[in-house]
C-alpha atoms as a PDB file:
ATOM      1  CA  MET A   1      -0.124  -0.091   0.056  1.00  0.00           C
ATOM      2  CA  ARG A   2       1.685   3.153  -1.086  1.00  0.00           C
ATOM      3  CA  ASP A   3       1.098   6.278   1.169  1.00  0.00           C
ATOM      4  CA  LEU A   4      -0.798   8.432  -1.632  1.00  0.00           C
ATOM      5  CA  ASP A   5      -2.679   6.029  -3.498  1.00  0.00           C
ATOM      6  CA  PHE A   6      -6.478   5.739  -2.930  1.00  0.00           C
ATOM      7  CA  GLY A   7      -7.504   4.496  -6.472  1.00  0.00           C
ATOM      8  CA  GLU A   8     -10.486   6.218  -7.497  1.00  0.00           C
ATOM      9  CA  THR A   9     -11.571   7.480  -4.394  1.00  0.00           C
ATOM     10  CA  LEU A  10      -9.117  10.190  -3.803  1.00  0.00           C
ATOM     11  CA  GLN A  11      -6.746  11.714  -6.275  1.00  0.00           C
ATOM     12  CA  VAL A  12      -3.613  13.462  -4.742  1.00  0.00           C
ATOM     13  CA  PHE A  13      -1.445  15.772  -6.307  1.00  0.00           C
ATOM     14  CA  THR A  14       2.162  16.921  -4.609  1.00  0.00           C
ATOM     15  CA  THR A  15       3.283  20.228  -5.812  1.00  0.00           C
ATOM     16  CA  CYS A  16       6.675  20.997  -7.444  1.00  0.00           C
ATOM     17  CA  PRO A  17       9.146  23.498  -5.961  1.00  0.00           C
ATOM     18  CA  GLN A  18       9.577  27.074  -7.427  1.00  0.00           C
ATOM     19  CA  SER A  19      12.790  27.846  -9.325  1.00  0.00           C
ATOM     20  CA  LYS A  20      13.243  31.262  -7.933  1.00  0.00           C
ATOM     21  CA  ASP A  21      13.712  29.526  -4.501  1.00  0.00           C
ATOM     22  CA  PHE A  22      16.906  27.736  -5.715  1.00  0.00           C
ATOM     23  CA  PRO A  23      20.000  28.166  -7.641  1.00  0.00           C
ATOM     24  CA  PRO A  24      20.003  26.209 -11.063  1.00  0.00           C
ATOM     25  CA  ALA A  25      21.851  23.186 -10.348  1.00  0.00           C
ATOM     26  CA  ASP A  26      20.265  22.781  -6.855  1.00  0.00           C
ATOM     27  CA  TYR A  27      16.911  23.262  -8.343  1.00  0.00           C
ATOM     28  CA  VAL A  28      17.398  20.377 -10.592  1.00  0.00           C
ATOM     29  CA  ALA A  29      18.246  17.874  -7.999  1.00  0.00           C
ATOM     30  CA  ARG A  30      15.617  19.239  -5.816  1.00  0.00           C
ATOM     31  CA  VAL A  31      12.470  18.724  -8.557  1.00  0.00           C
ATOM     32  CA  ALA A  32      14.068  15.166  -9.287  1.00  0.00           C
ATOM     33  CA  GLU A  33      14.197  14.573  -5.653  1.00  0.00           C
ATOM     34  CA  ILE A  34      10.747  15.480  -4.610  1.00  0.00           C
ATOM     35  CA  ALA A  35       9.200  13.965  -7.919  1.00  0.00           C
ATOM     36  CA  ALA A  36      10.694  10.464  -6.459  1.00  0.00           C
ATOM     37  CA  TRP A  37       9.393  10.635  -3.272  1.00  0.00           C
ATOM     38  CA  SER A  38       5.839  11.436  -4.979  1.00  0.00           C
ATOM     39  CA  ASP A  39       6.104   8.654  -7.421  1.00  0.00           C
ATOM     40  CA  GLU A  40       7.112   6.153  -4.688  1.00  0.00           C
ATOM     41  CA  ALA A  41       4.156   7.169  -2.683  1.00  0.00           C
ATOM     42  CA  GLY A  42       1.876   6.928  -5.694  1.00  0.00           C
ATOM     43  CA  ALA A  43       0.554  10.414  -5.995  1.00  0.00           C
ATOM     44  CA  SER A  44      -1.493  10.987  -9.169  1.00  0.00           C
ATOM     45  CA  GLY A  45       0.599  13.602 -10.611  1.00  0.00           C
ATOM     46  CA  MET A  46       2.451  16.664  -8.953  1.00  0.00           C
ATOM     47  CA  LEU A  47       1.420  20.324  -9.720  1.00  0.00           C
ATOM     48  CA  ILE A  48       4.056  22.651 -11.690  1.00  0.00           C
ATOM     49  CA  TYR A  49       3.542  26.314 -11.346  1.00  0.00           C
ATOM     50  CA  THR A  50       4.185  29.212 -14.074  1.00  0.00           C
ATOM     51  CA  ASP A  51       4.530  33.014 -13.871  1.00  0.00           C
ATOM     52  CA  ASN A  52       6.720  35.572 -15.429  1.00  0.00           C
ATOM     53  CA  GLY A  53       9.374  34.790 -12.895  1.00  0.00           C
ATOM     54  CA  LEU A  54       9.473  31.133 -13.161  1.00  0.00           C
ATOM     55  CA  VAL A  55      11.276  28.430 -15.544  1.00  0.00           C
ATOM     56  CA  ASP A  56       8.944  26.919 -18.343  1.00  0.00           C
ATOM     57  CA  PRO A  57       6.644  24.525 -16.907  1.00  0.00           C
ATOM     58  CA  TRP A  58       6.688  22.227 -20.124  1.00  0.00           C
ATOM     59  CA  LEU A  59      10.239  22.059 -20.174  1.00  0.00           C
ATOM     60  CA  LEU A  60       9.919  20.845 -16.581  1.00  0.00           C
ATOM     61  CA  ALA A  61       7.328  18.378 -16.900  1.00  0.00           C
ATOM     62  CA  ASP A  62       9.817  17.070 -19.427  1.00  0.00           C
ATOM     63  CA  HIS A  63      12.569  16.876 -16.785  1.00  0.00           C
ATOM     64  CA  VAL A  64      10.012  15.114 -14.312  1.00  0.00           C
ATOM     65  CA  LEU A  65       8.934  12.557 -16.818  1.00  0.00           C
ATOM     66  CA  ARG A  66      12.716  11.334 -17.532  1.00  0.00           C
ATOM     67  CA  VAL A  67      13.259  10.976 -13.617  1.00  0.00           C
ATOM     68  CA  THR A  68       9.883   9.290 -12.285  1.00  0.00           C
ATOM     69  CA  ARG A  69       8.264   5.904 -13.588  1.00  0.00           C
ATOM     70  CA  ALA A  70       4.418   6.676 -13.501  1.00  0.00           C
ATOM     71  CA  LEU A  71       3.985  10.364 -12.035  1.00  0.00           C
ATOM     72  CA  CYS A  72       1.813  12.625 -14.233  1.00  0.00           C
ATOM     73  CA  PRO A  73       3.103  16.502 -14.151  1.00  0.00           C
ATOM     74  CA  LEU A  74       0.311  18.615 -13.588  1.00  0.00           C
ATOM     75  CA  VAL A  75       1.078  21.554 -16.025  1.00  0.00           C
ATOM     76  CA  ALA A  76      -0.475  24.800 -15.293  1.00  0.00           C
ATOM     77  CA  VAL A  77      -1.071  26.357 -18.472  1.00  0.00           C
ATOM     78  CA  GLN A  78      -1.442  30.146 -19.321  1.00  0.00           C
ATOM     79  CA  PRO A  79      -3.232  31.053 -22.333  1.00  0.00           C
ATOM     80  CA  VAL A  80      -1.539  34.221 -22.931  1.00  0.00           C
ATOM     81  CA  TYR A  81       1.721  32.427 -23.203  1.00  0.00           C
ATOM     82  CA  MET A  82       0.907  30.335 -26.099  1.00  0.00           C
ATOM     83  CA  HIS A  83      -1.639  29.196 -28.742  1.00  0.00           C
ATOM     84  CA  PRO A  84      -3.883  26.090 -27.925  1.00  0.00           C
ATOM     85  CA  TYR A  85      -2.152  24.251 -30.810  1.00  0.00           C
ATOM     86  CA  THR A  86       1.235  24.577 -29.313  1.00  0.00           C
ATOM     87  CA  ALA A  87      -0.165  23.744 -25.744  1.00  0.00           C
ATOM     88  CA  ALA A  88      -1.814  20.619 -27.534  1.00  0.00           C
ATOM     89  CA  LYS A  89       1.429  19.495 -29.167  1.00  0.00           C
ATOM     90  CA  MET A  90       3.321  19.564 -26.357  1.00  0.00           C
ATOM     91  CA  VAL A  91       0.671  17.353 -24.652  1.00  0.00           C
ATOM     92  CA  ALA A  92       0.910  15.011 -27.961  1.00  0.00           C
ATOM     93  CA  THR A  93       4.697  14.859 -27.904  1.00  0.00           C
ATOM     94  CA  ALA A  94       5.139  13.878 -24.193  1.00  0.00           C
ATOM     95  CA  GLY A  95       2.446  11.288 -24.810  1.00  0.00           C
ATOM     96  CA  PHE A  96       4.838  10.445 -28.078  1.00  0.00           C
ATOM     97  CA  LEU A  97       7.920  10.430 -26.487  1.00  0.00           C
ATOM     98  CA  HIS A  98       7.357   9.151 -22.551  1.00  0.00           C
ATOM     99  CA  GLY A  99       3.993   7.096 -23.271  1.00  0.00           C
ATOM    100  CA  ARG A 100       2.954   9.024 -20.413  1.00  0.00           C
ATOM    101  CA  ARG A 101       0.060  11.510 -19.811  1.00  0.00           C
ATOM    102  CA  LEU A 102       0.022  14.821 -18.482  1.00  0.00           C
ATOM    103  CA  TRP A 103      -2.731  16.556 -16.213  1.00  0.00           C
ATOM    104  CA  LEU A 104      -3.478  20.261 -17.062  1.00  0.00           C
ATOM    105  CA  ASN A 105      -4.251  22.926 -14.875  1.00  0.00           C
ATOM    106  CA  MET A 106      -5.729  25.521 -16.796  1.00  0.00           C
ATOM    107  CA  LEU A 107      -5.398  29.202 -15.797  1.00  0.00           C
ATOM    108  CA  ALA A 108      -7.391  32.263 -16.290  1.00  0.00           C
ATOM    109  CA  GLY A 109      -6.036  34.695 -13.742  1.00  0.00           C
ATOM    110  CA  GLY A 110      -2.590  35.815 -12.697  1.00  0.00           C
ATOM    111  CA  PHE A 111      -0.410  38.326 -11.509  1.00  0.00           C
ATOM    112  CA  LYS A 112      -1.932  41.653 -13.230  1.00  0.00           C
ATOM    113  CA  ASN A 113       1.575  43.057 -13.399  1.00  0.00           C
ATOM    114  CA  ASP A 114       2.727  39.769 -15.428  1.00  0.00           C
ATOM    115  CA  LEU A 115      -0.549  40.087 -17.526  1.00  0.00           C
ATOM    116  CA  ALA A 116      -0.074  43.876 -18.291  1.00  0.00           C
ATOM    117  CA  ALA A 117       3.807  43.467 -19.128  1.00  0.00           C
ATOM    118  CA  LEU A 118       2.446  40.771 -21.839  1.00  0.00           C
ATOM    119  CA  GLY A 119      -0.141  43.363 -23.205  1.00  0.00           C
ATOM    120  CA  ASP A 120      -2.955  41.534 -21.743  1.00  0.00           C
ATOM    121  CA  ARG A 121      -5.570  43.709 -20.011  1.00  0.00           C
ATOM    122  CA  THR A 122      -8.560  41.374 -20.810  1.00  0.00           C
ATOM    123  CA  PRO A 123     -11.185  41.530 -17.432  1.00  0.00           C
ATOM    124  CA  HIS A 124     -11.384  38.677 -14.939  1.00  0.00           C
ATOM    125  CA  ASP A 125     -14.298  36.881 -15.914  1.00  0.00           C
ATOM    126  CA  ASP A 126     -13.633  37.340 -19.587  1.00  0.00           C
ATOM    127  CA  ARG A 127     -10.209  35.650 -18.902  1.00  0.00           C
ATOM    128  CA  TYR A 128     -12.405  32.606 -18.109  1.00  0.00           C
ATOM    129  CA  VAL A 129     -14.111  32.830 -21.424  1.00  0.00           C
ATOM    130  CA  ARG A 130     -10.957  32.706 -23.508  1.00  0.00           C
ATOM    131  CA  THR A 131      -9.780  29.961 -21.414  1.00  0.00           C
ATOM    132  CA  VAL A 132     -12.938  27.705 -22.001  1.00  0.00           C
ATOM    133  CA  GLU A 133     -12.499  28.574 -25.819  1.00  0.00           C
ATOM    134  CA  TYR A 134      -8.663  27.662 -25.237  1.00  0.00           C
ATOM    135  CA  ALA A 135      -9.512  24.647 -23.642  1.00  0.00           C
ATOM    136  CA  ARG A 136     -12.087  23.299 -26.210  1.00  0.00           C
ATOM    137  CA  ILE A 137      -9.668  23.642 -29.268  1.00  0.00           C
ATOM    138  CA  MET A 138      -7.039  21.619 -27.031  1.00  0.00           C
ATOM    139  CA  ARG A 139      -9.883  19.124 -26.251  1.00  0.00           C
ATOM    140  CA  LEU A 140     -10.921  18.748 -30.001  1.00  0.00           C
ATOM    141  CA  LEU A 141      -7.073  18.564 -31.283  1.00  0.00           C
ATOM    142  CA  LEU A 142      -5.968  15.921 -28.870  1.00  0.00           C
ATOM    143  CA  ALA A 143      -9.233  13.581 -29.470  1.00  0.00           C
ATOM    144  CA  GLY A 144      -7.913  13.545 -33.026  1.00  0.00           C
ATOM    145  CA  GLU A 145     -10.736  15.943 -34.623  1.00  0.00           C
ATOM    146  CA  THR A 146      -9.691  18.462 -37.440  1.00  0.00           C
ATOM    147  CA  VAL A 147     -10.852  21.789 -35.831  1.00  0.00           C
ATOM    148  CA  VAL A 148     -12.600  24.593 -37.248  1.00  0.00           C
ATOM    149  CA  CYS A 149     -13.101  27.935 -34.924  1.00  0.00           C
ATOM    150  CA  GLU A 150     -14.114  31.039 -35.253  1.00  0.00           C
ATOM    151  CA  GLY A 151     -14.187  32.286 -31.606  1.00  0.00           C
ATOM    152  CA  ARG A 152     -13.924  35.690 -29.809  1.00  0.00           C
ATOM    153  CA  TYR A 153     -10.320  34.908 -29.063  1.00  0.00           C
ATOM    154  CA  TYR A 154      -9.196  32.240 -31.378  1.00  0.00           C
ATOM    155  CA  ALA A 155      -9.867  31.428 -35.406  1.00  0.00           C
ATOM    156  CA  VAL A 156      -8.619  28.229 -36.755  1.00  0.00           C
ATOM    157  CA  GLN A 157      -9.439  26.281 -40.130  1.00  0.00           C
ATOM    158  CA  GLY A 158      -8.913  22.606 -40.734  1.00  0.00           C
ATOM    159  CA  LEU A 159      -6.457  22.535 -38.036  1.00  0.00           C
ATOM    160  CA  ARG A 160      -5.282  18.686 -36.875  1.00  0.00           C
ATOM    161  CA  LEU A 161      -2.836  17.420 -34.453  1.00  0.00           C
ATOM    162  CA  ALA A 162       0.196  15.410 -35.341  1.00  0.00           C
ATOM    163  CA  PRO A 163       1.568  13.447 -33.867  1.00  0.00           C
ATOM    164  CA  PRO A 164      -1.741  11.821 -32.800  1.00  0.00           C
ATOM    165  CA  LEU A 165      -2.332  11.311 -28.860  1.00  0.00           C
ATOM    166  CA  PRO A 166      -3.523   7.827 -27.994  1.00  0.00           C
ATOM    167  CA  GLU A 167      -6.787   8.050 -26.088  1.00  0.00           C
ATOM    168  CA  ALA A 168      -5.347   6.436 -23.245  1.00  0.00           C
ATOM    169  CA  LEU A 169      -3.051   9.196 -22.718  1.00  0.00           C
ATOM    170  CA  ALA A 170      -5.596  11.865 -22.979  1.00  0.00           C
ATOM    171  CA  PRO A 171      -5.000  14.600 -20.180  1.00  0.00           C
ATOM    172  CA  GLY A 172      -7.023  15.059 -17.051  1.00  0.00           C
ATOM    173  CA  TRP A 173      -8.292  18.709 -16.593  1.00  0.00           C
ATOM    174  CA  LEU A 174      -8.399  21.333 -13.587  1.00  0.00           C
ATOM    175  CA  ILE A 175      -9.062  24.669 -13.111  1.00  0.00           C
ATOM    176  CA  SER A 176      -9.372  27.039 -10.091  1.00  0.00           C
ATOM    177  CA  GLY A 177     -12.963  26.748  -8.910  1.00  0.00           C
ATOM    178  CA  SER A 178     -12.616  29.787  -6.032  1.00  0.00           C
ATOM    179  CA  SER A 179     -15.207  32.150  -8.121  1.00  0.00           C
ATOM    180  CA  GLU A 180     -18.325  31.647  -9.778  1.00  0.00           C
ATOM    181  CA  ALA A 181     -16.840  32.044 -13.292  1.00  0.00           C
ATOM    182  CA  GLY A 182     -14.154  29.265 -12.688  1.00  0.00           C
ATOM    183  CA  ARG A 183     -16.692  26.907 -11.763  1.00  0.00           C
ATOM    184  CA  ALA A 184     -18.591  27.540 -14.658  1.00  0.00           C
ATOM    185  CA  ALA A 185     -15.593  27.129 -16.809  1.00  0.00           C
ATOM    186  CA  ALA A 186     -15.143  23.709 -15.301  1.00  0.00           C
ATOM    187  CA  ARG A 187     -18.303  22.753 -16.283  1.00  0.00           C
ATOM    188  CA  GLU A 188     -18.073  24.019 -19.613  1.00  0.00           C
ATOM    189  CA  ILE A 189     -14.706  22.301 -20.418  1.00  0.00           C
ATOM    190  CA  GLY A 190     -14.993  19.119 -18.211  1.00  0.00           C
ATOM    191  CA  ALA A 191     -12.529  20.037 -15.801  1.00  0.00           C
ATOM    192  CA  VAL A 192     -12.092  19.353 -11.964  1.00  0.00           C
ATOM    193  CA  ALA A 193     -12.905  22.668 -10.184  1.00  0.00           C
ATOM    194  CA  VAL A 194     -10.014  23.059  -7.727  1.00  0.00           C
ATOM    195  CA  GLU A 195     -10.843  25.453  -4.493  1.00  0.00           C
ATOM    196  CA  TYR A 196      -8.362  26.936  -1.878  1.00  0.00           C
ATOM    197  CA  PRO A 197     -10.991  26.002   0.735  1.00  0.00           C
ATOM    198  CA  PRO A 198     -12.452  27.953   3.793  1.00  0.00           C
ATOM    199  CA  PRO A 199     -12.599  25.952   6.996  1.00  0.00           C
ATOM    200  CA  PRO A 200     -15.197  23.113   6.844  1.00  0.00           C
ATOM    201  CA  ASP A 201     -17.972  24.814   8.964  1.00  0.00           C
ATOM    202  CA  GLN A 202     -17.898  27.876   6.309  1.00  0.00           C
ATOM    203  CA  ILE A 203     -18.788  25.573   3.496  1.00  0.00           C
ATOM    204  CA  ALA A 204     -20.896  22.753   5.417  1.00  0.00           C
ATOM    205  CA  ASN A 205     -24.306  23.893   3.397  1.00  0.00           C
ATOM    206  CA  ARG A 206     -22.698  23.446   0.199  1.00  0.00           C
ATOM    207  CA  ARG A 207     -22.102  20.031  -1.553  1.00  0.00           C
ATOM    208  CA  ALA A 208     -19.239  20.078  -4.065  1.00  0.00           C
ATOM    209  CA  THR A 209     -20.799  17.112  -5.943  1.00  0.00           C
ATOM    210  CA  GLU A 210     -22.569  18.566  -8.494  1.00  0.00           C
ATOM    211  CA  TRP A 211     -19.343  18.908 -10.393  1.00  0.00           C
ATOM    212  CA  PRO A 212     -16.288  17.183  -9.966  1.00  0.00           C
ATOM    213  CA  SER A 213     -14.341  19.205  -7.016  1.00  0.00           C
ATOM    214  CA  GLY A 214     -11.318  19.279  -5.584  1.00  0.00           C
ATOM    215  CA  PHE A 215      -9.188  21.383  -2.880  1.00  0.00           C
ATOM    216  CA  ARG A 216      -5.905  22.570  -2.102  1.00  0.00           C
ATOM    217  CA  ILE A 217      -4.395  22.381   1.178  1.00  0.00           C
ATOM    218  CA  GLY A 218      -0.886  21.571   3.293  1.00  0.00           C
ATOM    219  CA  ILE A 219      -1.173  18.967   6.115  1.00  0.00           C
ATOM    220  CA  ILE A 220       1.273  18.628   9.189  1.00  0.00           C
ATOM    221  CA  ALA A 221      -0.075  15.916  11.186  1.00  0.00           C
ATOM    222  CA  ARG A 222       1.797  14.257  14.001  1.00  0.00           C
ATOM    223  CA  ASP A 223       0.802  11.659  17.159  1.00  0.00           C
ATOM    224  CA  ASP A 224      -0.082  14.886  19.053  1.00  0.00           C
ATOM    225  CA  ALA A 225      -0.855  18.676  18.451  1.00  0.00           C
ATOM    226  CA  GLU A 226       2.160  20.096  20.038  1.00  0.00           C
ATOM    227  CA  THR A 227       4.725  18.263  18.237  1.00  0.00           C
ATOM    228  CA  ALA A 228       2.634  19.070  15.125  1.00  0.00           C
ATOM    229  CA  TRP A 229       2.527  22.827  16.062  1.00  0.00           C
ATOM    230  CA  ARG A 230       5.972  22.866  16.898  1.00  0.00           C
ATOM    231  CA  GLU A 231       6.766  21.534  13.610  1.00  0.00           C
ATOM    232  CA  ALA A 232       4.447  23.932  11.809  1.00  0.00           C
ATOM    233  CA  TRP A 233       6.089  27.077  13.568  1.00  0.00           C
ATOM    234  CA  ALA A 234       9.901  25.803  12.805  1.00  0.00           C
ATOM    235  CA  ARG A 235       8.972  25.322   9.186  1.00  0.00           C
ATOM    236  CA  PHE A 236       6.706  28.792   8.842  1.00  0.00           C
ATOM    237  CA  PRO A 237       8.560  31.411  11.114  1.00  0.00           C
ATOM    238  CA  GLN A 238       7.299  34.897  10.805  1.00  0.00           C
ATOM    239  CA  ASP A 239       8.816  36.684   7.756  1.00  0.00           C
ATOM    240  CA  ARG A 240       8.527  40.391   7.775  1.00  0.00           C
ATOM    241  CA  ARG A 241       9.826  40.469   4.154  1.00  0.00           C
ATOM    242  CA  GLY A 242       7.538  37.845   3.145  1.00  0.00           C
ATOM    243  CA  GLN A 243       4.446  40.003   4.661  1.00  0.00           C
ATOM    244  CA  MET A 244       5.476  42.774   2.702  1.00  0.00           C
ATOM    245  CA  ALA A 245       5.502  40.753  -0.417  1.00  0.00           C
ATOM    246  CA  HIS A 246       2.122  39.092   0.416  1.00  0.00           C
ATOM    247  CA  ALA A 247       0.807  42.627   0.578  1.00  0.00           C
ATOM    248  CA  LEU A 248       2.060  43.432  -2.881  1.00  0.00           C
ATOM    249  CA  ALA A 249       0.689  40.599  -4.381  1.00  0.00           C
ATOM    250  CA  MET A 250      -2.696  41.599  -2.890  1.00  0.00           C
ATOM    251  CA  ARG A 251      -2.383  44.409  -4.676  1.00  0.00           C
ATOM    252  CA  THR A 252      -1.191  43.044  -8.192  1.00  0.00           C
ATOM    253  CA  SER A 253      -3.650  39.834  -8.209  1.00  0.00           C
ATOM    254  CA  ASP A 254      -7.124  39.801  -8.982  1.00  0.00           C
ATOM    255  CA  SER A 255      -7.471  35.962  -8.389  1.00  0.00           C
ATOM    256  CA  ALA A 256     -10.744  35.308  -6.291  1.00  0.00           C
ATOM    257  CA  TRP A 257      -8.907  32.483  -4.196  1.00  0.00           C
ATOM    258  CA  HIS A 258      -6.058  35.200  -2.901  1.00  0.00           C
ATOM    259  CA  SER A 259      -8.626  37.689  -1.742  1.00  0.00           C
ATOM    260  CA  GLN A 260     -10.495  34.945  -0.067  1.00  0.00           C
ATOM    261  CA  LEU A 261      -8.081  33.646   1.854  1.00  0.00           C
ATOM    262  CA  SER A 262      -6.590  36.993   2.955  1.00  0.00           C
ATOM    263  CA  ARG A 263      -9.886  37.537   4.530  1.00  0.00           C
ATOM    264  CA  LEU A 264     -10.172  34.278   6.187  1.00  0.00           C
ATOM    265  CA  ALA A 265      -6.359  34.532   7.506  1.00  0.00           C
ATOM    266  CA  ARG A 266      -7.703  38.157   9.189  1.00  0.00           C
ATOM    267  CA  GLU A 267     -10.990  36.019  10.786  1.00  0.00           C
ATOM    268  CA  HIS A 268      -9.154  32.893  11.942  1.00  0.00           C
ATOM    269  CA  ALA A 269      -5.876  34.506  13.453  1.00  0.00           C
ATOM    270  CA  ALA A 270      -6.462  33.498  16.883  1.00  0.00           C
ATOM    271  CA  SER A 271      -9.615  31.170  16.456  1.00  0.00           C
ATOM    272  CA  GLY A 272      -7.325  28.175  17.637  1.00  0.00           C
ATOM    273  CA  SER A 273      -8.432  26.351  15.098  1.00  0.00           C
ATOM    274  CA  PRO A 274      -6.250  23.156  13.161  1.00  0.00           C
ATOM    275  CA  TYR A 275      -7.183  25.857  10.112  1.00  0.00           C
ATOM    276  CA  TRP A 276      -4.073  27.902   9.665  1.00  0.00           C
ATOM    277  CA  LEU A 277      -3.139  30.624   7.043  1.00  0.00           C
ATOM    278  CA  TRP A 278       0.141  32.176   9.048  1.00  0.00           C
ATOM    279  CA  PRO A 279       2.220  30.583   5.968  1.00  0.00           C
ATOM    280  CA  PHE A 280       0.115  32.206   3.266  1.00  0.00           C
ATOM    281  CA  GLU A 281       0.088  35.790   5.064  1.00  0.00           C
ATOM    282  CA  ASN A 282       4.213  35.484   5.028  1.00  0.00           C
ATOM    283  CA  TYR A 283       4.213  34.655   1.512  1.00  0.00           C
ATOM    284  CA  GLN A 284       5.589  31.151   2.477  1.00  0.00           C
ATOM    285  CA  THR A 285       3.120  29.155   0.561  1.00  0.00           C
ATOM    286  CA  PHE A 286      -0.277  29.573  -1.620  1.00  0.00           C
ATOM    287  CA  CYS A 287      -2.666  27.378   0.661  1.00  0.00           C
ATOM    288  CA  PRO A 288      -4.271  26.944   3.844  1.00  0.00           C
ATOM    289  CA  TYR A 289      -2.682  24.181   6.372  1.00  0.00           C
ATOM    290  CA  LEU A 290      -4.430  21.806   8.636  1.00  0.00           C
ATOM    291  CA  VAL A 291      -2.357  21.342  11.603  1.00  0.00           C
ATOM    292  CA  GLY A 292      -2.648  18.763  14.637  1.00  0.00           C
ATOM    293  CA  ASP A 293      -2.690  15.207  15.596  1.00  0.00           C
ATOM    294  CA  PHE A 294      -4.029  12.836  13.022  1.00  0.00           C
ATOM    295  CA  GLU A 295      -7.516  12.538  14.503  1.00  0.00           C
ATOM    296  CA  THR A 296      -7.990  16.106  14.383  1.00  0.00           C
ATOM    297  CA  VAL A 297      -6.579  16.944  10.853  1.00  0.00           C
ATOM    298  CA  ALA A 298      -8.414  13.365   9.715  1.00  0.00           C
ATOM    299  CA  ARG A 299     -11.628  14.942  11.105  1.00  0.00           C
ATOM    300  CA  GLU A 300     -11.557  18.113   9.203  1.00  0.00           C
ATOM    301  CA  VAL A 301     -10.518  16.389   5.945  1.00  0.00           C
ATOM    302  CA  SER A 302     -13.308  14.152   6.605  1.00  0.00           C
ATOM    303  CA  HIS A 303     -15.670  17.153   6.303  1.00  0.00           C
ATOM    304  CA  TYR A 304     -14.231  18.176   2.610  1.00  0.00           C
ATOM    305  CA  LEU A 305     -14.652  14.928   1.325  1.00  0.00           C
ATOM    306  CA  ALA A 306     -18.339  14.596   3.087  1.00  0.00           C
ATOM    307  CA  LEU A 307     -19.081  17.426   0.942  1.00  0.00           C
ATOM    308  CA  GLY A 308     -17.679  15.632  -2.580  1.00  0.00           C
ATOM    309  CA  PHE A 309     -14.238  16.681  -2.931  1.00  0.00           C
ATOM    310  CA  ARG A 310     -12.479  14.075  -4.557  1.00  0.00           C
ATOM    311  CA  SER A 311      -9.094  15.682  -5.741  1.00  0.00           C
ATOM    312  CA  LEU A 312      -6.616  17.215  -3.405  1.00  0.00           C
ATOM    313  CA  ILE A 313      -3.470  19.271  -4.258  1.00  0.00           C
ATOM    314  CA  LEU A 314      -0.690  19.322  -1.199  1.00  0.00           C
ATOM    315  CA  ASP A 315       1.688  21.777  -0.687  1.00  0.00           C
ATOM    316  CA  ILE A 316       5.340  21.320  -1.639  1.00  0.00           C
ATOM    317  CA  PRO A 317       6.696  18.524   0.705  1.00  0.00           C
ATOM    318  CA  ARG A 318       9.889  19.303   2.720  1.00  0.00           C
ATOM    319  CA  GLU A 319      10.808  15.402   3.332  1.00  0.00           C
ATOM    320  CA  ALA A 320       9.704  12.172   2.272  1.00  0.00           C
ATOM    321  CA  ALA A 321       8.342  11.507   5.818  1.00  0.00           C
ATOM    322  CA  ASP A 322       5.349  14.257   5.007  1.00  0.00           C
ATOM    323  CA  LEU A 323       3.887  12.076   2.381  1.00  0.00           C
ATOM    324  CA  ARG A 324       3.757   9.496   4.638  1.00  0.00           C
ATOM    325  CA  THR A 325       2.080  11.300   7.383  1.00  0.00           C
ATOM    326  CA  THR A 326      -0.213  13.138   5.288  1.00  0.00           C
ATOM    327  CA  GLY A 327      -0.928   9.603   3.696  1.00  0.00           C
ATOM    328  CA  MET A 328      -2.139   8.321   7.534  1.00  0.00           C
ATOM    329  CA  ALA A 329      -4.311  11.251   7.985  1.00  0.00           C
ATOM    330  CA  LEU A 330      -5.899  10.898   4.733  1.00  0.00           C
ATOM    331  CA  ARG A 331      -6.724   7.174   5.359  1.00  0.00           C
ATOM    332  CA  ARG A 332      -8.512   8.203   8.529  1.00  0.00           C
ATOM    333  CA  ALA A 333     -10.362  10.553   7.136  1.00  0.00           C
ATOM    334  CA  LEU A 334     -11.632   7.822   4.342  1.00  0.00           C
ATOM    335  CA  LYS A 335     -12.389   5.997   7.067  1.00  0.00           C
ATOM    336  CA  LEU A 336     -14.511   8.492   9.005  1.00  0.00           C
ATOM    337  CA  ILE A 337     -16.643   8.890   5.885  1.00  0.00           C
ATOM    338  CA  GLY A 338     -16.969   5.221   5.201  1.00  0.00           C
ATOM    339  CA  GLY A 339     -14.398   5.363   2.112  1.00  0.00           C
END
């Protein structure tokens, strides 16, 4: 039994470290190390970020494919960076060269300064319209169709993809579901709608099962709460520069999840809850954490699972043991809901 392999019950993704945090030689080795941990643990895939300040996610995905046996890179796809034909060609080429499938994390948002630097001033909700159009063209190409499209953002005539992608290697699709526009886009393109969730009690009256849904959290679970919190504070100490970077990011991002988490951070600062946003406030990560003993963390996770969330993107692991302890918490959570 591998730590993060739950079959069809729960898909678990890890996250790749960011290139801005390492010298080049150290980064290549660190990515290979974390990819190997994730592969050995049976994770479904590993999220690879993209923005103007990071290495190219497609080339990094190729590196991950080369150093793993079964792990599927979850590549962040920014429509502003390339034509949908080029993105589809990347997926097909990975299948041709490696015989492996990819997952695609379709983006609509981003840092406003990044988008403006590329000459893109498309309003927030309109970017989801563009992403839907983009994903539809990709889907048709990857399915072997000859594509004719006269859309609002893209126009193609008789476009066909070569080399073709075998049906067994068709990619999985995810998209941010933190806004209504994002959830609508997920339904239109057939993607898992991923949320940066609030505490479970704030969404207890909403079920996620109307469409495949996922959530993004970090987990620090130990035998007792004191040990877990000691580890959490050691990993994420106060960082004044990080707090300033977080404040700047708030001013330069119009992503719904960013503002939602910032509001929640203020509300839960002194709640004593296992739901912890301190790392996010210090710009050390981009998701909430659950911290505590195994039973407490499992109980919190079980609430999300009971709402219908069936995909989970974890934060960047610091060590291989993180995947083992996280797997222990997730198995207890599934047991609580009879999974």
